[in-house]
C-alpha atoms as a PDB file:
ATOM      1  CA  ALA A   1      38.444 -87.398 -37.664  1.00  0.00           C
ATOM      2  CA  ARG A   2      38.684 -84.496 -40.617  1.00  0.00           C
ATOM      3  CA  GLY A   3      38.679 -81.284 -39.844  1.00  0.00           C
ATOM      4  CA  VAL A   4      38.472 -81.491 -36.014  1.00  0.00           C
ATOM      5  CA  SER A   5      40.295 -78.761 -34.407  1.00  0.00           C
ATOM      6  CA  CYS A   6      41.456 -78.657 -30.475  1.00  0.00           C
ATOM      7  CA  LEU A   7      42.494 -75.478 -28.429  1.00  0.00           C
ATOM      8  CA  VAL A   8      45.011 -77.028 -25.861  1.00  0.00           C
ATOM      9  CA  THR A   9      46.485 -74.837 -22.946  1.00  0.00           C
ATOM     10  CA  ALA A  10      50.174 -76.071 -21.710  1.00  0.00           C
ATOM     11  CA  SER A  11      53.461 -74.414 -20.376  1.00  0.00           C
ATOM     12  CA  GLN A  12      55.049 -75.457 -23.653  1.00  0.00           C
ATOM     13  CA  PRO A  13      54.355 -76.358 -27.347  1.00  0.00           C
ATOM     14  CA  LEU A  14      53.068 -79.572 -27.971  1.00  0.00           C
ATOM     15  CA  GLY A  15      55.688 -80.029 -30.407  1.00  0.00           C
ATOM     16  CA  TYR A  16      53.480 -81.039 -33.665  1.00  0.00           C
ATOM     17  CA  ARG A  17      53.853 -79.893 -37.287  1.00  0.00           C
ATOM     18  CA  GLU A  18      50.016 -79.011 -37.297  1.00  0.00           C
ATOM     19  CA  GLU A  19      50.097 -77.193 -34.566  1.00  0.00           C
ATOM     20  CA  ASP A  20      50.000 -73.015 -34.406  1.00  0.00           C
ATOM     21  CA  VAL A  21      51.388 -72.108 -31.431  1.00  0.00           C
ATOM     22  CA  LEU A  22      50.106 -68.492 -29.686  1.00  0.00           C
ATOM     23  CA  PRO A  23      52.364 -67.746 -26.595  1.00  0.00           C
ATOM     24  CA  LEU A  24      50.958 -66.299 -23.713  1.00  0.00           C
ATOM     25  CA  GLY A  25      52.977 -63.660 -21.821  1.00  0.00           C
ATOM     26  CA  GLY A  26      52.035 -61.988 -18.102  1.00  0.00           C
ATOM     27  CA  LEU A  27      49.046 -59.507 -18.516  1.00  0.00           C
ATOM     28  CA  PRO A  28      50.215 -56.212 -19.248  1.00  0.00           C
ATOM     29  CA  LEU A  29      49.748 -53.254 -17.299  1.00  0.00           C
ATOM     30  CA  GLY A  30      50.216 -49.436 -18.415  1.00  0.00           C
ATOM     31  CA  PRO A  31      52.751 -47.126 -16.534  1.00  0.00           C
ATOM     32  CA  ASP A  32      49.402 -45.225 -14.909  1.00  0.00           C
ATOM     33  CA  GLY A  33      48.318 -48.702 -13.269  1.00  0.00           C
ATOM     34  CA  THR A  34      45.893 -49.484 -15.673  1.00  0.00           C
ATOM     35  CA  GLY A  35      45.007 -52.205 -17.508  1.00  0.00           C
ATOM     36  CA  PRO A  36      44.029 -56.331 -17.813  1.00  0.00           C
ATOM     37  CA  ALA A  37      46.597 -56.788 -14.814  1.00  0.00           C
ATOM     38  CA  THR A  38      44.755 -54.481 -12.460  1.00  0.00           C
ATOM     39  CA  ASP A  39      41.353 -55.851 -13.990  1.00  0.00           C
ATOM     40  CA  LEU A  40      42.105 -59.069 -12.429  1.00  0.00           C
ATOM     41  CA  PHE A  41      43.434 -57.818  -9.318  1.00  0.00           C
ATOM     42  CA  LEU A  42      40.802 -55.664  -8.373  1.00  0.00           C
ATOM     43  CA  ALA A  43      38.374 -58.499  -9.593  1.00  0.00           C
ATOM     44  CA  SER A  44      40.442 -60.835  -6.988  1.00  0.00           C
ATOM     45  CA  ALA A  45      40.141 -58.317  -4.373  1.00  0.00           C
ATOM     46  CA  ARG A  46      36.555 -57.836  -4.346  1.00  0.00           C
ATOM     47  CA  ARG A  47      35.807 -61.437  -3.946  1.00  0.00           C
ATOM     48  CA  ALA A  48      37.968 -61.451  -0.607  1.00  0.00           C
ATOM     49  CA  ASP A  49      36.393 -57.985   0.239  1.00  0.00           C
ATOM     50  CA  ALA A  50      33.461 -56.917  -1.411  1.00  0.00           C
ATOM     51  CA  ALA A  51      34.230 -52.975  -0.300  1.00  0.00           C
ATOM     52  CA  PHE A  52      37.845 -53.023  -1.899  1.00  0.00           C
ATOM     53  CA  GLU A  53      38.454 -49.873  -3.785  1.00  0.00           C
ATOM     54  CA  LEU A  54      42.292 -49.147  -5.567  1.00  0.00           C
ATOM     55  CA  THR A  55      43.155 -45.563  -4.533  1.00  0.00           C
ATOM     56  CA  PRO A  56      45.454 -43.194  -6.877  1.00  0.00           C
ATOM     57  CA  ALA A  57      48.469 -44.106  -4.206  1.00  0.00           C
ATOM     58  CA  ASP A  58      47.913 -47.699  -5.070  1.00  0.00           C
ATOM     59  CA  ALA A  59      49.050 -47.220  -8.741  1.00  0.00           C
ATOM     60  CA  GLU A  60      52.570 -46.999  -8.490  1.00  0.00           C
ATOM     61  CA  HIS A  61      52.867 -50.072  -5.887  1.00  0.00           C
ATOM     62  CA  LEU A  62      50.713 -52.054  -8.285  1.00  0.00           C
ATOM     63  CA  VAL A  63      53.505 -51.318 -10.999  1.00  0.00           C
ATOM     64  CA  GLU A  64      56.003 -52.757  -8.666  1.00  0.00           C
ATOM     65  CA  LEU A  65      53.753 -55.978  -7.665  1.00  0.00           C
ATOM     66  CA  HIS A  66      53.436 -56.484 -11.392  1.00  0.00           C
ATOM     67  CA  ARG A  67      56.992 -56.350 -12.140  1.00  0.00           C
ATOM     68  CA  LEU A  68      57.479 -58.746  -9.175  1.00  0.00           C
ATOM     69  CA  THR A  69      55.125 -61.331 -10.593  1.00  0.00           C
ATOM     70  CA  GLY A  70      55.584 -60.682 -14.604  1.00  0.00           C
ATOM     71  CA  GLY A  71      51.840 -60.131 -14.550  1.00  0.00           C
ATOM     72  CA  LEU A  72      51.158 -63.712 -13.680  1.00  0.00           C
ATOM     73  CA  PRO A  73      47.791 -64.158 -13.293  1.00  0.00           C
ATOM     74  CA  LEU A  74      47.841 -66.773 -10.502  1.00  0.00           C
ATOM     75  CA  ALA A  75      50.440 -64.589  -8.618  1.00  0.00           C
ATOM     76  CA  LEU A  76      47.744 -61.558  -9.225  1.00  0.00           C
ATOM     77  CA  GLU A  77      45.028 -63.345  -7.715  1.00  0.00           C
ATOM     78  CA  LEU A  78      47.004 -64.658  -4.596  1.00  0.00           C
ATOM     79  CA  ALA A  79      48.471 -61.620  -4.303  1.00  0.00           C
ATOM     80  CA  ALA A  80      45.028 -59.843  -4.049  1.00  0.00           C
ATOM     81  CA  ALA A  81      43.726 -62.007  -1.574  1.00  0.00           C
ATOM     82  CA  TRP A  82      45.781 -60.329   0.841  1.00  0.00           C
ATOM     83  CA  VAL A  83      44.096 -57.239   0.850  1.00  0.00           C
ATOM     84  CA  THR A  84      41.903 -58.044   3.679  1.00  0.00           C
ATOM     85  CA  VAL A  85      45.258 -57.620   5.968  1.00  0.00           C
ATOM     86  CA  MET A  86      47.510 -55.113   4.199  1.00  0.00           C
ATOM     87  CA  PRO A  87      47.560 -52.572   1.759  1.00  0.00           C
ATOM     88  CA  VAL A  88      48.742 -52.918  -2.090  1.00  0.00           C
ATOM     89  CA  SER A  89      52.251 -51.350  -0.802  1.00  0.00           C
ATOM     90  CA  GLY A  90      52.425 -54.281   1.751  1.00  0.00           C
ATOM     91  CA  ILE A  91      51.790 -56.649  -0.451  1.00  0.00           C
ATOM     92  CA  ALA A  92      54.575 -55.552  -2.653  1.00  0.00           C
ATOM     93  CA  GLU A  93      56.720 -55.634  -0.075  1.00  0.00           C
ATOM     94  CA  ALA A  94      56.342 -58.629   1.267  1.00  0.00           C
ATOM     95  CA  LEU A  95      56.329 -60.399  -1.871  1.00  0.00           C
ATOM     96  CA  SER A  96      59.600 -59.108  -2.566  1.00  0.00           C
ATOM     97  CA  ALA A  97      60.982 -60.515   0.734  1.00  0.00           C
ATOM     98  CA  ASP A  98      59.722 -63.541   0.128  1.00  0.00           C
ATOM     99  CA  VAL A  99      57.941 -65.364  -2.576  1.00  0.00           C
ATOM    100  CA  ALA A 100      56.563 -68.134  -0.271  1.00  0.00           C
ATOM    101  CA  PHE A 101      54.214 -65.195   0.881  1.00  0.00           C
ATOM    102  CA  LEU A 102      51.883 -65.729  -2.364  1.00  0.00           C
ATOM    103  CA  ALA A 103      50.022 -69.054  -0.758  1.00  0.00           C
ATOM    104  CA  SER A 104      46.233 -69.626  -1.306  1.00  0.00           C
ATOM    105  CA  PRO A 105      43.757 -70.879   1.683  1.00  0.00           C
ATOM    106  CA  LEU A 106      41.078 -72.329  -1.073  1.00  0.00           C
ATOM    107  CA  ARG A 107      40.382 -75.556  -0.302  1.00  0.00           C
ATOM    108  CA  ASP A 108      39.375 -76.534  -3.946  1.00  0.00           C
ATOM    109  CA  ALA A 109      42.381 -75.110  -5.821  1.00  0.00           C
ATOM    110  CA  PRO A 110      44.471 -77.770  -7.432  1.00  0.00           C
ATOM    111  CA  ALA A 111      47.345 -78.399  -5.527  1.00  0.00           C
ATOM    112  CA  ARG A 112      50.059 -77.348  -7.972  1.00  0.00           C
ATOM    113  CA  HIS A 113      48.376 -73.724  -7.659  1.00  0.00           C
ATOM    114  CA  ARG A 114      47.947 -73.145  -4.376  1.00  0.00           C
ATOM    115  CA  SER A 115      51.082 -71.041  -3.928  1.00  0.00           C
ATOM    116  CA  LEU A 116      53.789 -69.938  -6.456  1.00  0.00           C
ATOM    117  CA  ILE A 117      56.215 -72.020  -5.025  1.00  0.00           C
ATOM    118  CA  ALA A 118      54.095 -75.201  -5.708  1.00  0.00           C
ATOM    119  CA  VAL A 119      54.056 -73.973  -9.310  1.00  0.00           C
ATOM    120  CA  PHE A 120      57.891 -72.984  -9.437  1.00  0.00           C
ATOM    121  CA  GLU A 121      58.294 -76.795  -7.744  1.00  0.00           C
ATOM    122  CA  ARG A 122      56.286 -78.614 -10.570  1.00  0.00           C
ATOM    123  CA  ALA A 123      57.866 -76.837 -13.329  1.00  0.00           C
ATOM    124  CA  TRP A 124      61.013 -78.070 -11.583  1.00  0.00           C
ATOM    125  CA  SER A 125      60.388 -81.309 -11.335  1.00  0.00           C
ATOM    126  CA  LEU A 126      59.910 -81.498 -15.016  1.00  0.00           C
ATOM    127  CA  LEU A 127      63.317 -80.362 -15.916  1.00  0.00           C
ATOM    128  CA  ASP A 128      66.541 -82.882 -16.664  1.00  0.00           C
ATOM    129  CA  GLU A 129      69.299 -82.086 -14.912  1.00  0.00           C
ATOM    130  CA  HIS A 130      71.266 -80.273 -18.182  1.00  0.00           C
ATOM    131  CA  SER A 131      67.968 -77.625 -18.089  1.00  0.00           C
ATOM    132  CA  ARG A 132      68.577 -77.485 -14.652  1.00  0.00           C
ATOM    133  CA  ARG A 133      71.461 -76.143 -14.686  1.00  0.00           C
ATOM    134  CA  GLN A 134      71.117 -73.607 -17.547  1.00  0.00           C
ATOM    135  CA  LEU A 135      68.123 -72.197 -15.579  1.00  0.00           C
ATOM    136  CA  ARG A 136      70.628 -71.804 -12.478  1.00  0.00           C
ATOM    137  CA  ARG A 137      72.801 -70.013 -14.635  1.00  0.00           C
ATOM    138  CA  VAL A 138      70.311 -67.790 -16.148  1.00  0.00           C
ATOM    139  CA  ALA A 139      69.123 -66.870 -12.890  1.00  0.00           C
ATOM    140  CA  ALA A 140      72.408 -65.284 -12.005  1.00  0.00           C
ATOM    141  CA  PHE A 141      71.242 -62.305 -14.551  1.00  0.00           C
ATOM    142  CA  ARG A 142      69.127 -59.394 -12.423  1.00  0.00           C
ATOM    143  CA  GLY A 143      67.787 -57.916 -15.466  1.00  0.00           C
ATOM    144  CA  PRO A 144      67.528 -58.811 -19.235  1.00  0.00           C
ATOM    145  CA  PHE A 145      70.292 -60.152 -20.776  1.00  0.00           C
ATOM    146  CA  ASP A 146      71.316 -60.320 -24.324  1.00  0.00           C
ATOM    147  CA  ARG A 147      72.662 -63.925 -26.213  1.00  0.00           C
ATOM    148  CA  ALA A 148      76.575 -62.814 -25.956  1.00  0.00           C
ATOM    149  CA  ALA A 149      76.016 -62.833 -21.893  1.00  0.00           C
ATOM    150  CA  ALA A 150      73.850 -66.202 -21.773  1.00  0.00           C
ATOM    151  CA  GLY A 151      76.805 -67.811 -24.104  1.00  0.00           C
ATOM    152  CA  ALA A 152      79.422 -66.289 -21.504  1.00  0.00           C
ATOM    153  CA  LEU A 153      77.442 -68.519 -18.751  1.00  0.00           C
ATOM    154  CA  GLY A 154      77.439 -71.454 -21.025  1.00  0.00           C
ATOM    155  CA  VAL A 155      73.965 -71.030 -22.201  1.00  0.00           C
ATOM    156  CA  GLY A 156      73.691 -71.505 -25.870  1.00  0.00           C
ATOM    157  CA  LEU A 157      70.944 -70.553 -28.418  1.00  0.00           C
ATOM    158  CA  GLU A 158      69.346 -74.006 -27.960  1.00  0.00           C
ATOM    159  CA  ASP A 159      69.062 -73.618 -24.474  1.00  0.00           C
ATOM    160  CA  LEU A 160      67.581 -69.988 -24.620  1.00  0.00           C
ATOM    161  CA  ALA A 161      64.747 -71.472 -26.988  1.00  0.00           C
ATOM    162  CA  ALA A 162      64.064 -74.457 -24.789  1.00  0.00           C
ATOM    163  CA  LEU A 163      63.609 -72.037 -21.341  1.00  0.00           C
ATOM    164  CA  CYS A 164      61.712 -70.046 -23.494  1.00  0.00           C
ATOM    165  CA  ARG A 165      59.332 -73.050 -24.967  1.00  0.00           C
ATOM    166  CA  ARG A 166      58.914 -73.930 -21.038  1.00  0.00           C
ATOM    167  CA  SER A 167      57.782 -70.265 -20.041  1.00  0.00           C
ATOM    168  CA  LEU A 168      60.771 -70.093 -17.569  1.00  0.00           C
ATOM    169  CA  LEU A 169      62.480 -67.458 -19.768  1.00  0.00           C
ATOM    170  CA  ALA A 170      60.636 -64.711 -22.231  1.00  0.00           C
ATOM    171  CA  ARG A 171      62.140 -62.857 -25.115  1.00  0.00           C
ATOM    172  CA  LEU A 172      61.528 -58.866 -24.757  1.00  0.00           C
ATOM    173  CA  PRO A 173      60.588 -57.249 -28.071  1.00  0.00           C
ATOM    174  CA  SER A 174      64.250 -55.812 -27.490  1.00  0.00           C
ATOM    175  CA  GLY A 175      65.532 -59.229 -28.308  1.00  0.00           C
ATOM    176  CA  ARG A 176      66.877 -59.585 -24.645  1.00  0.00           C
ATOM    177  CA  PHE A 177      65.751 -62.382 -22.495  1.00  0.00           C
ATOM    178  CA  VAL A 178      64.115 -62.176 -18.821  1.00  0.00           C
ATOM    179  CA  CYS A 179      63.847 -64.347 -16.226  1.00  0.00           C
ATOM    180  CA  GLN A 180      60.524 -63.537 -14.477  1.00  0.00           C
ATOM    181  CA  PRO A 181      61.335 -62.083 -10.942  1.00  0.00           C
ATOM    182  CA  THR A 182      59.573 -64.377  -8.292  1.00  0.00           C
ATOM    183  CA  LEU A 183      61.281 -67.379  -9.983  1.00  0.00           C
ATOM    184  CA  ARG A 184      64.672 -65.943  -9.911  1.00  0.00           C
ATOM    185  CA  THR A 185      64.223 -65.175  -6.311  1.00  0.00           C
ATOM    186  CA  TRP A 186      63.081 -68.945  -5.635  1.00  0.00           C
ATOM    187  CA  LEU A 187      66.107 -69.836  -7.856  1.00  0.00           C
ATOM    188  CA  ASP A 188      68.284 -67.800  -5.662  1.00  0.00           C
ATOM    189  CA  ALA A 189      66.526 -69.619  -2.470  1.00  0.00           C
ATOM    190  CA  ARG A 190      67.539 -72.776  -3.716  1.00  0.00           C
ATOM    191  CA  SER A 191      71.388 -71.891  -4.395  1.00  0.00           C
ATOM    192  CA  GLY A 192      72.270 -73.817  -1.536  1.00  0.00           C
ATOM    193  CA  ASP A 193      71.378 -77.407  -3.057  1.00  0.00           C
ATOM    194  CA  ASP A 194      74.190 -77.222  -5.595  1.00  0.00           C
ATOM    195  CA  PRO A 195      76.475 -74.557  -4.001  1.00  0.00           C
ATOM    196  CA  SER A 196      79.831 -74.711  -6.440  1.00  0.00           C
ATOM    197  CA  ALA A 197      77.067 -74.524  -9.724  1.00  0.00           C
ATOM    198  CA  THR A 198      75.930 -71.286  -7.870  1.00  0.00           C
ATOM    199  CA  ALA A 199      79.191 -70.004  -7.323  1.00  0.00           C
ATOM    200  CA  GLU A 200      79.987 -70.956 -10.836  1.00  0.00           C
ATOM    201  CA  ALA A 201      77.659 -69.226 -12.794  1.00  0.00           C
ATOM    202  CA  ARG A 202      78.227 -66.111 -10.249  1.00  0.00           C
ATOM    203  CA  ASP A 203      81.933 -66.069 -11.322  1.00  0.00           C
ATOM    204  CA  ARG A 204      81.089 -66.224 -15.089  1.00  0.00           C
ATOM    205  CA  HIS A 205      78.387 -63.614 -14.801  1.00  0.00           C
ATOM    206  CA  ALA A 206      81.005 -61.232 -12.920  1.00  0.00           C
ATOM    207  CA  HIS A 207      83.537 -61.778 -15.393  1.00  0.00           C
ATOM    208  CA  HIS A 208      81.120 -60.834 -18.420  1.00  0.00           C
ATOM    209  CA  PHE A 209      80.035 -57.890 -16.809  1.00  0.00           C
ATOM    210  CA  LEU A 210      83.372 -56.627 -15.351  1.00  0.00           C
ATOM    211  CA  ALA A 211      84.789 -57.172 -18.502  1.00  0.00           C
ATOM    212  CA  ARG A 212      82.134 -54.821 -19.902  1.00  0.00           C
ATOM    213  CA  ALA A 213      82.698 -52.584 -17.758  1.00  0.00           C
ATOM    214  CA  ARG A 214      86.670 -52.112 -18.575  1.00  0.00           C
ATOM    215  CA  ALA A 215      85.719 -51.967 -22.507  1.00  0.00           C
ATOM    216  CA  ALA A 216      83.304 -49.242 -21.583  1.00  0.00           C
ATOM    217  CA  ALA A 217      86.200 -47.281 -19.535  1.00  0.00           C
ATOM    218  CA  GLN A 218      88.795 -47.617 -22.703  1.00  0.00           C
ATOM    219  CA  ALA A 219      85.691 -46.225 -25.284  1.00  0.00           C
ATOM    220  CA  PHE A 220      84.475 -43.398 -22.695  1.00  0.00           C
ATOM    221  CA  ASP A 221      86.399 -40.723 -24.665  1.00  0.00           C
ATOM    222  CA  THR A 222      85.658 -41.769 -27.940  1.00  0.00           C
ATOM    223  CA  ARG A 223      82.600 -41.640 -30.071  1.00  0.00           C
ATOM    224  CA  ASP A 224      81.341 -44.779 -28.900  1.00  0.00           C
ATOM    225  CA  GLY A 225      81.520 -43.904 -25.128  1.00  0.00           C
ATOM    226  CA  GLY A 226      77.719 -42.560 -25.541  1.00  0.00           C
ATOM    227  CA  ARG A 227      76.396 -46.052 -26.804  1.00  0.00           C
ATOM    228  CA  TRP A 228      78.627 -48.119 -24.006  1.00  0.00           C
ATOM    229  CA  LEU A 229      77.028 -45.580 -21.222  1.00  0.00           C
ATOM    230  CA  ALA A 230      73.450 -46.114 -22.407  1.00  0.00           C
ATOM    231  CA  GLU A 231      74.208 -50.082 -22.672  1.00  0.00           C
ATOM    232  CA  LEU A 232      75.943 -49.967 -18.989  1.00  0.00           C
ATOM    233  CA  ASP A 233      72.856 -47.966 -17.537  1.00  0.00           C
ATOM    234  CA  ASP A 234      70.650 -50.774 -18.862  1.00  0.00           C
ATOM    235  CA  GLU A 235      72.671 -53.307 -17.202  1.00  0.00           C
ATOM    236  CA  ARG A 236      73.078 -51.470 -14.090  1.00  0.00           C
ATOM    237  CA  ALA A 237      71.455 -54.157 -11.752  1.00  0.00           C
ATOM    238  CA  ASP A 238      74.008 -56.859 -13.137  1.00  0.00           C
ATOM    239  CA  LEU A 239      77.233 -54.587 -12.703  1.00  0.00           C
ATOM    240  CA  LEU A 240      76.219 -53.903  -9.111  1.00  0.00           C
ATOM    241  CA  ALA A 241      75.458 -57.541  -8.755  1.00  0.00           C
ATOM    242  CA  ALA A 242      79.043 -58.524 -10.186  1.00  0.00           C
ATOM    243  CA  ILE A 243      80.513 -56.032  -8.001  1.00  0.00           C
ATOM    244  CA  ALA A 244      78.794 -57.615  -5.121  1.00  0.00           C
ATOM    245  CA  TRP A 245      79.815 -61.103  -5.525  1.00  0.00           C
ATOM    246  CA  CYS A 246      83.686 -59.671  -6.499  1.00  0.00           C
ATOM    247  CA  TRP A 247      83.009 -58.447  -2.833  1.00  0.00           C
ATOM    248  CA  GLU A 248      82.407 -61.541  -1.290  1.00  0.00           C
ATOM    249  CA  ARG A 249      84.777 -63.724  -3.340  1.00  0.00           C
END
């Protein structure tokens, strides 16, 4: 029929020429702890406890909770349900220890939305073996990474684009890519499913970042030393992870 427009929500684009794609990331949150993510958390918390109020002390912990969830609306709603038994600080701490913490007791919630693990398991079930292998590889990164770092782990541009289309990676304004922290935690917990693939990814990750550290050491007393120090500071989490892996090996 002529003149028909459809608004479709999906985890990835449909792949039609006539399609106009509007990517939807996590809900934003300001550095002061205010924003749409806070509004959703507060509204969800008050459904569990009508008297709930956010205190000034909660702002810092809400920023951490937002970092862990990537601002995912479902994750924020599941987290907010716990305000009846613990403070926001306790919710953030519990989530950082175990992603299975986020689960809903609601009987009318769809099965795939009753826990964050259910969301990840459904997304995993839709991937082919190649995409699963590439997702495992990028899960080795502890922070944002660029195309060169991904290439060092055997993940090409087409692989990055495919994972972004499936909302399993996000591209930052800086041009770097990032894996949502709770998804990475879930993938870490599954590393025992394919230990050889996990070890290969961590080996490649360690070789890349240790080579970066060596290059920075050689340039330390040159005019490029400041640039290298700034870049390595941004990659501190991955450098520490590489050192820890070498120590384990």
